[in-house]
Amino acid sequence: MMRKISNQSLSPDPNLSAARAHFSENGPALCSAAEILAGDAGTARVLRLMSDLRQATGLNRGLRRRLVDLHRLLSPDPISGGFDQELSPWTILDPGSPEVEEICLLTDRLYELLKKIDVPQQQHCAWALPLIKQKAA
């Protein structure tokens, strides 16, 4: 059962407050989108993130990284040029479907949150590099 994150944050960290407000508004839709793209593991990933945001006292590096990871899950091309059509759940989705449109809107909103909490674009790329190296090994 999903508990809603309160958007009445008492945290002195404005970034944590912004993240909590975002998940308060978009949490159920993010769970649905993650389920479409990654099954039960995707839903569990979002629920764990929501739970950790609820308990956090500040938006630490680990939480920021997990927000970026969620954005990459929701993005049709999470690593520039690294879109593998054989492995992607996006290949079975109809691009004109309402689900795809909703996922794209959620992805855009999550990106806006990442910009608001000042996760630099360089971090997105830097965090992606170890994944590329692991994939090649």
Protein backbone atom coordinates (compact mmCIF):
# COMPACT_ATOMS: atom_id res chain seq x y z
CA MET A 1 0.00 0.00 0.00
CA MET A 2 1.38 3.36 -0.99
CA ARG A 3 1.41 6.14 1.57
CA LYS A 4 1.36 9.64 0.24
CA ILE A 5 4.34 11.83 1.03
CA SER A 6 3.32 14.95 2.89
CA ASN A 7 4.03 18.12 1.00
CA GLN A 8 4.11 19.97 4.32
CA SER A 9 7.82 19.37 4.89
CA LEU A 10 9.47 20.55 8.08
CA SER A 11 12.92 19.99 6.61
CA PRO A 12 15.23 23.00 6.46
CA ASP A 13 16.57 21.54 3.19
CA PRO A 14 14.61 23.22 0.36
CA ASN A 15 15.77 20.54 -2.11
CA LEU A 16 14.32 17.78 0.05
CA SER A 17 11.09 19.77 0.36
CA ALA A 18 10.94 20.13 -3.43
CA ALA A 19 11.52 16.40 -3.93
CA ARG A 20 8.88 15.50 -1.36
CA ALA A 21 6.37 17.87 -2.98
CA HIS A 22 7.13 16.36 -6.40
CA PHE A 23 6.53 12.81 -5.18
CA SER A 24 3.45 13.87 -3.24
CA GLU A 25 1.95 15.08 -6.49
CA ASN A 26 3.40 12.52 -8.93
CA GLY A 27 4.21 9.45 -6.82
CA PRO A 28 1.33 7.18 -7.89
CA ALA A 29 1.83 8.07 -11.57
CA LEU A 30 5.59 7.46 -11.27
CA CYS A 31 4.86 4.03 -9.76
CA SER A 32 2.57 3.19 -12.68
CA ALA A 33 5.11 4.38 -15.23
CA ALA A 34 7.94 2.45 -13.60
CA GLU A 35 5.75 -0.66 -13.54
CA ILE A 36 5.06 -0.35 -17.27
CA LEU A 37 8.77 -0.01 -18.03
CA ALA A 38 10.36 -2.30 -15.42
CA GLY A 39 7.59 -4.40 -13.89
CA ASP A 40 7.31 -4.95 -10.15
CA ALA A 41 10.98 -4.03 -9.70
CA GLY A 42 10.26 -0.58 -11.13
CA THR A 43 7.35 -0.04 -8.76
CA ALA A 44 9.44 -1.21 -5.81
CA ARG A 45 12.20 1.18 -6.84
CA VAL A 46 9.85 4.18 -6.75
CA LEU A 47 8.24 3.09 -3.48
CA ARG A 48 11.67 2.68 -1.83
CA LEU A 49 12.67 6.13 -3.04
CA MET A 50 9.45 7.63 -1.71
CA SER A 51 9.96 5.93 1.64
CA ASP A 52 13.54 7.14 1.86
CA LEU A 53 12.48 10.71 0.98
CA ARG A 54 9.87 10.56 3.72
CA GLN A 55 12.49 9.54 6.31
CA ALA A 56 15.38 11.72 5.11
CA THR A 57 16.61 14.78 6.92
CA GLY A 58 18.32 16.16 3.82
CA LEU A 59 18.68 15.39 0.13
CA ASN A 60 22.00 13.58 0.16
CA ARG A 61 24.08 12.38 -2.78
CA GLY A 62 22.56 8.88 -2.69
CA LEU A 63 19.01 10.21 -2.97
CA ARG A 64 20.04 12.55 -5.77
CA ARG A 65 21.62 9.66 -7.65
CA ARG A 66 18.48 7.56 -7.25
CA LEU A 67 16.41 10.45 -8.63
CA VAL A 68 18.72 10.57 -11.66
CA ASP A 69 18.46 6.77 -12.00
CA LEU A 70 14.67 7.02 -11.98
CA HIS A 71 14.83 9.69 -14.67
CA ARG A 72 17.02 7.39 -16.77
CA LEU A 73 14.54 4.54 -16.31
CA LEU A 74 11.68 6.71 -17.53
CA SER A 75 13.62 8.18 -20.46
CA PRO A 76 13.35 6.45 -23.84
CA ASP A 77 17.07 7.11 -24.42
CA PRO A 78 18.64 7.15 -20.95
CA ILE A 79 22.25 7.33 -22.17
CA SER A 80 22.86 9.40 -25.25
CA GLY A 81 23.44 7.02 -28.12
CA GLY A 82 23.06 3.98 -25.88
CA PHE A 83 19.49 3.03 -26.72
CA ASP A 84 19.39 -0.74 -27.16
CA GLN A 85 16.18 -1.53 -29.01
CA GLU A 86 16.34 -5.25 -28.27
CA LEU A 87 16.43 -4.73 -24.50
CA SER A 88 14.22 -1.68 -24.18
CA PRO A 89 10.63 -1.89 -22.94
CA TRP A 90 9.98 1.14 -25.14
CA THR A 91 9.98 -1.09 -28.24
CA ILE A 92 6.71 -2.75 -27.23
CA LEU A 93 4.88 0.48 -26.39
CA ASP A 94 2.76 2.34 -28.92
CA PRO A 95 4.28 5.82 -29.29
CA GLY A 96 0.82 7.33 -29.69
CA SER A 97 -0.67 5.73 -26.60
CA PRO A 98 -1.81 7.79 -23.60
CA GLU A 99 0.57 5.77 -21.38
CA VAL A 100 3.59 6.87 -23.40
CA GLU A 101 2.43 10.47 -23.35
CA GLU A 102 2.00 10.31 -19.56
CA ILE A 103 5.46 8.73 -19.13
CA CYS A 104 7.00 11.50 -21.24
CA LEU A 105 5.26 14.19 -19.18
CA LEU A 106 6.40 12.55 -15.94
CA THR A 107 9.93 12.34 -17.28
CA ASP A 108 9.86 16.04 -18.15
CA ARG A 109 8.54 16.94 -14.68
CA LEU A 110 11.23 14.82 -13.03
CA TYR A 111 13.87 16.53 -15.15
CA GLU A 112 12.53 19.91 -14.00
CA LEU A 113 12.87 18.70 -10.40
CA LEU A 114 16.47 17.65 -11.06
CA LYS A 115 17.22 21.11 -12.43
CA LYS A 116 15.47 22.73 -9.46
CA ILE A 117 17.50 20.76 -6.93
CA ASP A 118 20.58 21.59 -8.99
CA VAL A 119 21.75 18.17 -10.10
CA PRO A 120 24.23 19.29 -12.76
CA GLN A 121 24.04 17.78 -16.23
CA GLN A 122 27.66 16.69 -15.79
CA GLN A 123 26.59 14.39 -12.95
CA HIS A 124 24.07 12.68 -15.21
CA CYS A 125 26.88 11.91 -17.65
CA ALA A 126 29.44 11.05 -14.97
CA TRP A 127 27.08 8.59 -13.33
CA ALA A 128 26.31 7.01 -16.68
CA LEU A 129 29.98 6.34 -17.54
CA PRO A 130 30.49 3.52 -14.99
CA LEU A 131 27.38 1.82 -16.38
CA ILE A 132 28.75 2.00 -19.93
CA LYS A 133 32.08 0.53 -18.80
CA GLN A 134 30.33 -2.29 -16.91
CA LYS A 135 28.13 -3.07 -19.90
CA ALA A 136 31.17 -3.34 -22.17
CA ALA A 137 33.00 -5.72 -19.83
